[in-house]
């Protein structure tokens, strides 16, 4: 699978475009990339086999996309515009959008800013904490900036640092990304979403929080809890894939 690139208002963004059918846009999580979040987990294969066209991109600061070190260059509303410009670049009027963790936040901002471009929204790995905010971005940023992982004692922050090293990420760009303005998503804003919405979160995911509680804020949203899975283990889970395929089959 060869990645292509496009210019998103001066920022080079890497993406893949596979398969044929109704387009699904995939937005990966923090410190991840197309390969780690979507290819290695079997998502691209699963969706293309189900007759979908799959478009996935590396968020700015991640994977094969441009690494930026300015706090002003990040934030989910800005990063959602990369998604919109990719749809523009490909000449797509709208797509079903699946985001994981930070990618779910970005997907929400895309749906709120450009509802006409989003056929449905699927939030993975982010439940009620989409509204409450994820505590401890400071410790995660400091963990990314620490000279070595051995100096990181906070367990959650250490998990992110280990993951960022595993994905061979640019730690400085990630620190800028997570330190950038945390634009809040309010319950009132989510209540205005009119497209079909699915929320899927692992049962033991303390980072994402409850899927049911988030779904209750969104008109007609469905919630699925993945038994026995945490934030990192839920990503490629077959229950998650089955829920998404069923949702896509049934949505108007």
C-alpha atoms as a PDB file:
ATOM      1  CA  UNK A   1       0.000   0.000   0.000  1.00  0.00           C
ATOM      2  CA  UNK A   2       1.731   3.115  -1.175  1.00  0.00           C
ATOM      3  CA  UNK A   3       1.044   6.300   0.719  1.00  0.00           C
ATOM      4  CA  UNK A   4       0.383   9.444  -1.293  1.00  0.00           C
ATOM      5  CA  UNK A   5       0.656  13.013  -0.030  1.00  0.00           C
ATOM      6  CA  UNK A   6      -1.302  16.206  -0.529  1.00  0.00           C
ATOM      7  CA  UNK A   7      -0.917  19.821   0.548  1.00  0.00           C
ATOM      8  CA  UNK A   8      -3.346  20.760   3.336  1.00  0.00           C
ATOM      9  CA  UNK A   9      -3.027  24.549   3.484  1.00  0.00           C
ATOM     10  CA  UNK A  10       0.775  24.317   3.479  1.00  0.00           C
ATOM     11  CA  UNK A  11       1.070  21.149   5.587  1.00  0.00           C
ATOM     12  CA  UNK A  12       2.079  17.936   3.824  1.00  0.00           C
ATOM     13  CA  UNK A  13      -0.298  15.111   4.770  1.00  0.00           C
ATOM     14  CA  UNK A  14       0.302  11.440   3.912  1.00  0.00           C
ATOM     15  CA  UNK A  15      -2.705   9.263   3.080  1.00  0.00           C
ATOM     16  CA  UNK A  16      -3.835   5.995   1.516  1.00  0.00           C
ATOM     17  CA  UNK A  17      -6.868   5.391  -0.699  1.00  0.00           C
ATOM     18  CA  UNK A  18      -7.833   1.722  -1.127  1.00  0.00           C
ATOM     19  CA  UNK A  19     -10.761  -0.289  -2.442  1.00  0.00           C
ATOM     20  CA  UNK A  20     -14.022   0.797  -4.037  1.00  0.00           C
ATOM     21  CA  UNK A  21     -17.530   1.589  -2.822  1.00  0.00           C
ATOM     22  CA  UNK A  22     -18.919   4.042  -0.285  1.00  0.00           C
ATOM     23  CA  UNK A  23     -15.973   5.981   1.191  1.00  0.00           C
ATOM     24  CA  UNK A  24     -14.969   5.557   4.837  1.00  0.00           C
ATOM     25  CA  UNK A  25     -12.460   8.062   6.230  1.00  0.00           C
ATOM     26  CA  UNK A  26     -10.260   6.743   9.057  1.00  0.00           C
ATOM     27  CA  UNK A  27      -8.655   9.114  11.593  1.00  0.00           C
ATOM     28  CA  UNK A  28      -6.045   7.531  13.895  1.00  0.00           C
ATOM     29  CA  UNK A  29      -5.229   8.159  17.545  1.00  0.00           C
ATOM     30  CA  UNK A  30      -2.498  10.116  19.302  1.00  0.00           C
ATOM     31  CA  UNK A  31       1.071   8.831  18.707  1.00  0.00           C
ATOM     32  CA  UNK A  32      -0.261   6.359  16.143  1.00  0.00           C
ATOM     33  CA  UNK A  33      -0.331   6.352  12.323  1.00  0.00           C
ATOM     34  CA  UNK A  34      -2.122   4.706   9.389  1.00  0.00           C
ATOM     35  CA  UNK A  35      -0.150   1.456   9.638  1.00  0.00           C
ATOM     36  CA  UNK A  36      -0.355   0.975  13.403  1.00  0.00           C
ATOM     37  CA  UNK A  37      -3.990   1.997  13.825  1.00  0.00           C
ATOM     38  CA  UNK A  38      -5.584   0.697  10.639  1.00  0.00           C
ATOM     39  CA  UNK A  39      -3.405  -1.603   8.512  1.00  0.00           C
ATOM     40  CA  UNK A  40      -1.680  -3.831  11.103  1.00  0.00           C
ATOM     41  CA  UNK A  41      -5.002  -4.252  12.960  1.00  0.00           C
ATOM     42  CA  UNK A  42      -6.764  -5.524   9.821  1.00  0.00           C
ATOM     43  CA  UNK A  43      -9.170  -2.589   9.518  1.00  0.00           C
ATOM     44  CA  UNK A  44      -8.272  -1.631   5.936  1.00  0.00           C
ATOM     45  CA  UNK A  45      -8.572  -5.259   4.827  1.00  0.00           C
ATOM     46  CA  UNK A  46     -11.882  -5.755   6.682  1.00  0.00           C
ATOM     47  CA  UNK A  47     -13.505  -2.622   5.263  1.00  0.00           C
ATOM     48  CA  UNK A  48     -12.300  -3.069   1.675  1.00  0.00           C
ATOM     49  CA  UNK A  49     -13.430  -6.720   1.759  1.00  0.00           C
ATOM     50  CA  UNK A  50     -16.863  -5.468   2.847  1.00  0.00           C
ATOM     51  CA  UNK A  51     -17.064  -3.346  -0.315  1.00  0.00           C
ATOM     52  CA  UNK A  52     -15.963  -0.002   1.101  1.00  0.00           C
ATOM     53  CA  UNK A  53     -13.456   2.514  -0.211  1.00  0.00           C
ATOM     54  CA  UNK A  54     -11.017   3.236   2.617  1.00  0.00           C
ATOM     55  CA  UNK A  55      -9.226   6.552   2.967  1.00  0.00           C
ATOM     56  CA  UNK A  56      -6.853   6.970   5.904  1.00  0.00           C
ATOM     57  CA  UNK A  57      -4.328   9.690   6.637  1.00  0.00           C
ATOM     58  CA  UNK A  58      -1.524  10.442   9.076  1.00  0.00           C
ATOM     59  CA  UNK A  59      -2.468  13.361  11.311  1.00  0.00           C
ATOM     60  CA  UNK A  60      -0.101  16.348  11.236  1.00  0.00           C
ATOM     61  CA  UNK A  61       2.866  15.624  13.523  1.00  0.00           C
ATOM     62  CA  UNK A  62       2.377  11.882  13.007  1.00  0.00           C
ATOM     63  CA  UNK A  63       3.547   9.105  10.666  1.00  0.00           C
ATOM     64  CA  UNK A  64       4.524  10.287   7.200  1.00  0.00           C
ATOM     65  CA  UNK A  65       2.924  13.733   7.561  1.00  0.00           C
ATOM     66  CA  UNK A  66       4.750  16.986   8.324  1.00  0.00           C
ATOM     67  CA  UNK A  67       6.208  17.350  11.823  1.00  0.00           C
ATOM     68  CA  UNK A  68       5.323  20.716  13.339  1.00  0.00           C
ATOM     69  CA  UNK A  69       6.649  22.067  16.642  1.00  0.00           C
ATOM     70  CA  UNK A  70       4.461  25.138  17.124  1.00  0.00           C
ATOM     71  CA  UNK A  71       1.555  24.750  19.582  1.00  0.00           C
ATOM     72  CA  UNK A  72      -0.596  26.894  17.284  1.00  0.00           C
ATOM     73  CA  UNK A  73      -0.230  24.297  14.514  1.00  0.00           C
ATOM     74  CA  UNK A  74      -2.327  21.711  16.379  1.00  0.00           C
ATOM     75  CA  UNK A  75      -5.670  21.345  18.137  1.00  0.00           C
ATOM     76  CA  UNK A  76      -8.562  19.150  17.017  1.00  0.00           C
ATOM     77  CA  UNK A  77     -10.588  21.855  15.164  1.00  0.00           C
ATOM     78  CA  UNK A  78      -7.539  22.675  13.032  1.00  0.00           C
ATOM     79  CA  UNK A  79      -6.712  18.998  12.516  1.00  0.00           C
ATOM     80  CA  UNK A  80     -10.314  18.370  11.410  1.00  0.00           C
ATOM     81  CA  UNK A  81      -9.676  20.770   8.514  1.00  0.00           C
ATOM     82  CA  UNK A  82      -6.943  18.392   7.261  1.00  0.00           C
ATOM     83  CA  UNK A  83      -9.690  15.754   7.011  1.00  0.00           C
ATOM     84  CA  UNK A  84     -12.007  18.123   5.150  1.00  0.00           C
ATOM     85  CA  UNK A  85      -9.241  19.168   2.745  1.00  0.00           C
ATOM     86  CA  UNK A  86      -8.450  15.514   2.044  1.00  0.00           C
ATOM     87  CA  UNK A  87     -12.094  14.958   1.057  1.00  0.00           C
ATOM     88  CA  UNK A  88     -11.810  18.074  -1.140  1.00  0.00           C
ATOM     89  CA  UNK A  89      -8.552  16.795  -2.648  1.00  0.00           C
ATOM     90  CA  UNK A  90     -10.227  13.486  -3.562  1.00  0.00           C
ATOM     91  CA  UNK A  91     -13.374  15.200  -4.846  1.00  0.00           C
ATOM     92  CA  UNK A  92     -15.589  13.500  -2.252  1.00  0.00           C
ATOM     93  CA  UNK A  93     -18.774  15.268  -1.179  1.00  0.00           C
ATOM     94  CA  UNK A  94     -19.057  13.204   2.006  1.00  0.00           C
ATOM     95  CA  UNK A  95     -17.848  10.075   3.773  1.00  0.00           C
ATOM     96  CA  UNK A  96     -18.582   7.856   6.743  1.00  0.00           C
ATOM     97  CA  UNK A  97     -15.949   8.837   9.341  1.00  0.00           C
ATOM     98  CA  UNK A  98     -14.328   6.484  11.858  1.00  0.00           C
ATOM     99  CA  UNK A  99     -11.959   7.987  14.425  1.00  0.00           C
ATOM    100  CA  UNK A 100     -10.074   6.331  17.270  1.00  0.00           C
ATOM    101  CA  UNK A 101      -9.287   8.187  20.506  1.00  0.00           C
ATOM    102  CA  UNK A 102      -7.829  11.588  19.457  1.00  0.00           C
ATOM    103  CA  UNK A 103      -9.133  10.679  16.005  1.00  0.00           C
ATOM    104  CA  UNK A 104     -12.658  10.459  17.436  1.00  0.00           C
ATOM    105  CA  UNK A 105     -12.267  13.997  18.829  1.00  0.00           C
ATOM    106  CA  UNK A 106     -11.119  15.192  15.416  1.00  0.00           C
ATOM    107  CA  UNK A 107     -14.040  13.367  13.760  1.00  0.00           C
ATOM    108  CA  UNK A 108     -16.463  15.109  16.143  1.00  0.00           C
ATOM    109  CA  UNK A 109     -15.083  18.532  15.211  1.00  0.00           C
ATOM    110  CA  UNK A 110     -15.330  17.601  11.520  1.00  0.00           C
ATOM    111  CA  UNK A 111     -18.979  16.613  11.996  1.00  0.00           C
ATOM    112  CA  UNK A 112     -19.776  19.805  13.910  1.00  0.00           C
ATOM    113  CA  UNK A 113     -17.975  22.183  11.529  1.00  0.00           C
ATOM    114  CA  UNK A 114     -18.948  20.459   8.254  1.00  0.00           C
ATOM    115  CA  UNK A 115     -22.075  18.336   8.843  1.00  0.00           C
ATOM    116  CA  UNK A 116     -22.765  18.122   5.120  1.00  0.00           C
ATOM    117  CA  UNK A 117     -19.481  16.222   4.585  1.00  0.00           C
ATOM    118  CA  UNK A 118     -20.152  13.528   7.164  1.00  0.00           C
ATOM    119  CA  UNK A 119     -22.554  10.707   6.323  1.00  0.00           C
ATOM    120  CA  UNK A 120     -22.084   9.040   9.710  1.00  0.00           C
ATOM    121  CA  UNK A 121     -19.698   9.272  12.664  1.00  0.00           C
ATOM    122  CA  UNK A 122     -18.083   6.341  14.452  1.00  0.00           C
ATOM    123  CA  UNK A 123     -16.231   7.179  17.652  1.00  0.00           C
ATOM    124  CA  UNK A 124     -13.827   4.457  18.841  1.00  0.00           C
ATOM    125  CA  UNK A 125     -11.873   4.520  22.096  1.00  0.00           C
ATOM    126  CA  UNK A 126     -13.482   7.743  23.297  1.00  0.00           C
ATOM    127  CA  UNK A 127     -16.655   7.827  25.346  1.00  0.00           C
ATOM    128  CA  UNK A 128     -17.825  10.387  27.893  1.00  0.00           C
ATOM    129  CA  UNK A 129     -14.268  11.744  28.254  1.00  0.00           C
ATOM    130  CA  UNK A 130     -14.811  13.418  24.870  1.00  0.00           C
ATOM    131  CA  UNK A 131     -16.888  15.916  26.856  1.00  0.00           C
ATOM    132  CA  UNK A 132     -15.132  15.723  30.224  1.00  0.00           C
ATOM    133  CA  UNK A 133     -11.665  15.969  28.715  1.00  0.00           C
ATOM    134  CA  UNK A 134      -8.860  13.501  29.284  1.00  0.00           C
ATOM    135  CA  UNK A 135      -7.068  14.310  32.505  1.00  0.00           C
ATOM    136  CA  UNK A 136      -3.314  14.545  32.610  1.00  0.00           C
ATOM    137  CA  UNK A 137      -2.163  15.882  29.257  1.00  0.00           C
ATOM    138  CA  UNK A 138       0.646  17.641  31.188  1.00  0.00           C
ATOM    139  CA  UNK A 139       2.146  14.364  32.473  1.00  0.00           C
ATOM    140  CA  UNK A 140       1.911  12.838  28.972  1.00  0.00           C
ATOM    141  CA  UNK A 141       3.684  15.845  27.414  1.00  0.00           C
ATOM    142  CA  UNK A 142       6.401  15.677  30.082  1.00  0.00           C
ATOM    143  CA  UNK A 143       6.756  11.931  29.529  1.00  0.00           C
ATOM    144  CA  UNK A 144       7.308  12.560  25.812  1.00  0.00           C
ATOM    145  CA  UNK A 145       9.923  15.226  26.589  1.00  0.00           C
ATOM    146  CA  UNK A 146      11.814  13.134  29.188  1.00  0.00           C
ATOM    147  CA  UNK A 147      15.346  12.113  28.088  1.00  0.00           C
ATOM    148  CA  UNK A 148      14.455   8.425  28.544  1.00  0.00           C
ATOM    149  CA  UNK A 149      11.365   6.382  29.405  1.00  0.00           C
ATOM    150  CA  UNK A 150      13.101   5.243  32.621  1.00  0.00           C
ATOM    151  CA  UNK A 151      12.447   8.692  34.089  1.00  0.00           C
ATOM    152  CA  UNK A 152       8.677   8.406  33.552  1.00  0.00           C
ATOM    153  CA  UNK A 153       6.823   7.175  36.651  1.00  0.00           C
ATOM    154  CA  UNK A 154       3.170   8.042  35.862  1.00  0.00           C
ATOM    155  CA  UNK A 155       1.720   4.739  34.521  1.00  0.00           C
ATOM    156  CA  UNK A 156      -0.632   6.286  31.926  1.00  0.00           C
ATOM    157  CA  UNK A 157       2.021   8.728  30.717  1.00  0.00           C
ATOM    158  CA  UNK A 158       4.520   5.871  30.531  1.00  0.00           C
ATOM    159  CA  UNK A 159       2.088   3.848  28.366  1.00  0.00           C
ATOM    160  CA  UNK A 160       1.905   6.745  25.880  1.00  0.00           C
ATOM    161  CA  UNK A 161       5.691   7.202  25.876  1.00  0.00           C
ATOM    162  CA  UNK A 162       6.220   3.473  25.236  1.00  0.00           C
ATOM    163  CA  UNK A 163       3.622   3.541  22.457  1.00  0.00           C
ATOM    164  CA  UNK A 164       5.216   6.634  20.860  1.00  0.00           C
ATOM    165  CA  UNK A 165       8.604   4.871  20.879  1.00  0.00           C
ATOM    166  CA  UNK A 166       7.063   1.715  19.427  1.00  0.00           C
ATOM    167  CA  UNK A 167       5.526   3.724  16.544  1.00  0.00           C
ATOM    168  CA  UNK A 168       8.899   5.533  16.098  1.00  0.00           C
ATOM    169  CA  UNK A 169       7.163   8.875  16.442  1.00  0.00           C
ATOM    170  CA  UNK A 170       8.706  12.336  16.602  1.00  0.00           C
ATOM    171  CA  UNK A 171       8.412  12.871  20.377  1.00  0.00           C
ATOM    172  CA  UNK A 172       8.861  16.649  20.148  1.00  0.00           C
ATOM    173  CA  UNK A 173       6.051  17.004  17.588  1.00  0.00           C
ATOM    174  CA  UNK A 174       3.770  14.834  19.737  1.00  0.00           C
ATOM    175  CA  UNK A 175       4.493  16.930  22.824  1.00  0.00           C
ATOM    176  CA  UNK A 176       3.512  20.062  20.866  1.00  0.00           C
ATOM    177  CA  UNK A 177       0.360  18.305  19.658  1.00  0.00           C
ATOM    178  CA  UNK A 178      -0.787  17.321  23.148  1.00  0.00           C
ATOM    179  CA  UNK A 179       0.171  20.693  24.700  1.00  0.00           C
ATOM    180  CA  UNK A 180      -1.844  22.578  22.074  1.00  0.00           C
ATOM    181  CA  UNK A 181      -5.152  24.175  23.003  1.00  0.00           C
ATOM    182  CA  UNK A 182      -7.643  21.554  24.161  1.00  0.00           C
ATOM    183  CA  UNK A 183     -10.757  22.905  22.478  1.00  0.00           C
ATOM    184  CA  UNK A 184     -13.701  21.616  24.490  1.00  0.00           C
ATOM    185  CA  UNK A 185     -16.564  19.641  22.969  1.00  0.00           C
ATOM    186  CA  UNK A 186     -19.760  20.392  24.889  1.00  0.00           C
ATOM    187  CA  UNK A 187     -22.801  18.223  25.467  1.00  0.00           C
ATOM    188  CA  UNK A 188     -24.832  20.997  23.812  1.00  0.00           C
ATOM    189  CA  UNK A 189     -22.724  20.796  20.654  1.00  0.00           C
ATOM    190  CA  UNK A 190     -23.029  16.994  20.468  1.00  0.00           C
ATOM    191  CA  UNK A 191     -26.807  17.294  20.812  1.00  0.00           C
ATOM    192  CA  UNK A 192     -26.832  19.139  17.460  1.00  0.00           C
ATOM    193  CA  UNK A 193     -25.352  16.175  15.527  1.00  0.00           C
ATOM    194  CA  UNK A 194     -27.995  14.829  13.166  1.00  0.00           C
ATOM    195  CA  UNK A 195     -26.072  12.086  11.311  1.00  0.00           C
ATOM    196  CA  UNK A 196     -26.088   8.465  12.533  1.00  0.00           C
ATOM    197  CA  UNK A 197     -23.513   7.992  15.338  1.00  0.00           C
ATOM    198  CA  UNK A 198     -21.870   4.886  16.795  1.00  0.00           C
ATOM    199  CA  UNK A 199     -19.717   4.921  19.958  1.00  0.00           C
ATOM    200  CA  UNK A 200     -17.469   1.897  20.658  1.00  0.00           C
ATOM    201  CA  UNK A 201     -15.214   1.768  23.729  1.00  0.00           C
ATOM    202  CA  UNK A 202     -13.470  -1.050  25.607  1.00  0.00           C
ATOM    203  CA  UNK A 203     -15.136  -2.022  28.873  1.00  0.00           C
ATOM    204  CA  UNK A 204     -11.970  -1.324  30.890  1.00  0.00           C
ATOM    205  CA  UNK A 205     -10.893   1.790  28.952  1.00  0.00           C
ATOM    206  CA  UNK A 206     -10.200   4.466  31.586  1.00  0.00           C
ATOM    207  CA  UNK A 207      -8.808   6.855  28.964  1.00  0.00           C
ATOM    208  CA  UNK A 208     -11.981   6.883  26.852  1.00  0.00           C
ATOM    209  CA  UNK A 209     -14.640   6.570  29.534  1.00  0.00           C
ATOM    210  CA  UNK A 210     -18.171   5.224  29.129  1.00  0.00           C
ATOM    211  CA  UNK A 211     -19.540   4.667  25.595  1.00  0.00           C
ATOM    212  CA  UNK A 212     -23.126   4.636  26.890  1.00  0.00           C
ATOM    213  CA  UNK A 213     -22.808   7.972  28.667  1.00  0.00           C
ATOM    214  CA  UNK A 214     -21.494   9.666  25.517  1.00  0.00           C
ATOM    215  CA  UNK A 215     -24.167   8.082  23.297  1.00  0.00           C
ATOM    216  CA  UNK A 216     -26.873   9.410  25.624  1.00  0.00           C
ATOM    217  CA  UNK A 217     -25.856  12.972  24.706  1.00  0.00           C
ATOM    218  CA  UNK A 218     -26.250  12.407  20.940  1.00  0.00           C
ATOM    219  CA  UNK A 219     -29.683  12.010  19.310  1.00  0.00           C
ATOM    220  CA  UNK A 220     -30.195   8.409  18.177  1.00  0.00           C
ATOM    221  CA  UNK A 221     -26.588   7.346  18.863  1.00  0.00           C
ATOM    222  CA  UNK A 222     -25.751   3.675  19.448  1.00  0.00           C
ATOM    223  CA  UNK A 223     -23.206   2.465  22.000  1.00  0.00           C
ATOM    224  CA  UNK A 224     -21.169  -0.744  22.082  1.00  0.00           C
ATOM    225  CA  UNK A 225     -18.897  -1.788  24.931  1.00  0.00           C
ATOM    226  CA  UNK A 226     -16.105  -4.251  24.073  1.00  0.00           C
ATOM    227  CA  UNK A 227     -15.889  -6.842  26.873  1.00  0.00           C
ATOM    228  CA  UNK A 228     -12.571  -7.046  28.723  1.00  0.00           C
ATOM    229  CA  UNK A 229     -10.692  -4.588  26.497  1.00  0.00           C
ATOM    230  CA  UNK A 230      -8.721  -1.485  27.511  1.00  0.00           C
ATOM    231  CA  UNK A 231      -7.745   1.537  25.394  1.00  0.00           C
ATOM    232  CA  UNK A 232      -4.808  -0.108  23.614  1.00  0.00           C
ATOM    233  CA  UNK A 233      -6.340  -3.586  23.191  1.00  0.00           C
ATOM    234  CA  UNK A 234      -9.706  -2.469  21.785  1.00  0.00           C
ATOM    235  CA  UNK A 235      -8.267  -1.019  18.561  1.00  0.00           C
ATOM    236  CA  UNK A 236      -8.183  -4.187  16.464  1.00  0.00           C
ATOM    237  CA  UNK A 237     -10.852  -6.124  18.357  1.00  0.00           C
ATOM    238  CA  UNK A 238     -13.254  -8.189  16.228  1.00  0.00           C
ATOM    239  CA  UNK A 239     -16.256  -6.950  18.250  1.00  0.00           C
ATOM    240  CA  UNK A 240     -15.302  -3.383  17.261  1.00  0.00           C
ATOM    241  CA  UNK A 241     -15.051  -4.365  13.579  1.00  0.00           C
ATOM    242  CA  UNK A 242     -18.353  -6.266  13.646  1.00  0.00           C
ATOM    243  CA  UNK A 243     -20.104  -3.293  15.281  1.00  0.00           C
ATOM    244  CA  UNK A 244     -18.783  -0.913  12.611  1.00  0.00           C
ATOM    245  CA  UNK A 245     -19.701  -3.207   9.692  1.00  0.00           C
ATOM    246  CA  UNK A 246     -23.224  -3.722  11.086  1.00  0.00           C
ATOM    247  CA  UNK A 247     -23.642   0.027  11.670  1.00  0.00           C
ATOM    248  CA  UNK A 248     -22.508   0.828   8.107  1.00  0.00           C
ATOM    249  CA  UNK A 249     -24.890  -1.786   6.667  1.00  0.00           C
ATOM    250  CA  UNK A 250     -27.844  -0.412   8.610  1.00  0.00           C
ATOM    251  CA  UNK A 251     -27.306   3.333   8.475  1.00  0.00           C
ATOM    252  CA  UNK A 252     -29.665   5.146   6.041  1.00  0.00           C
END
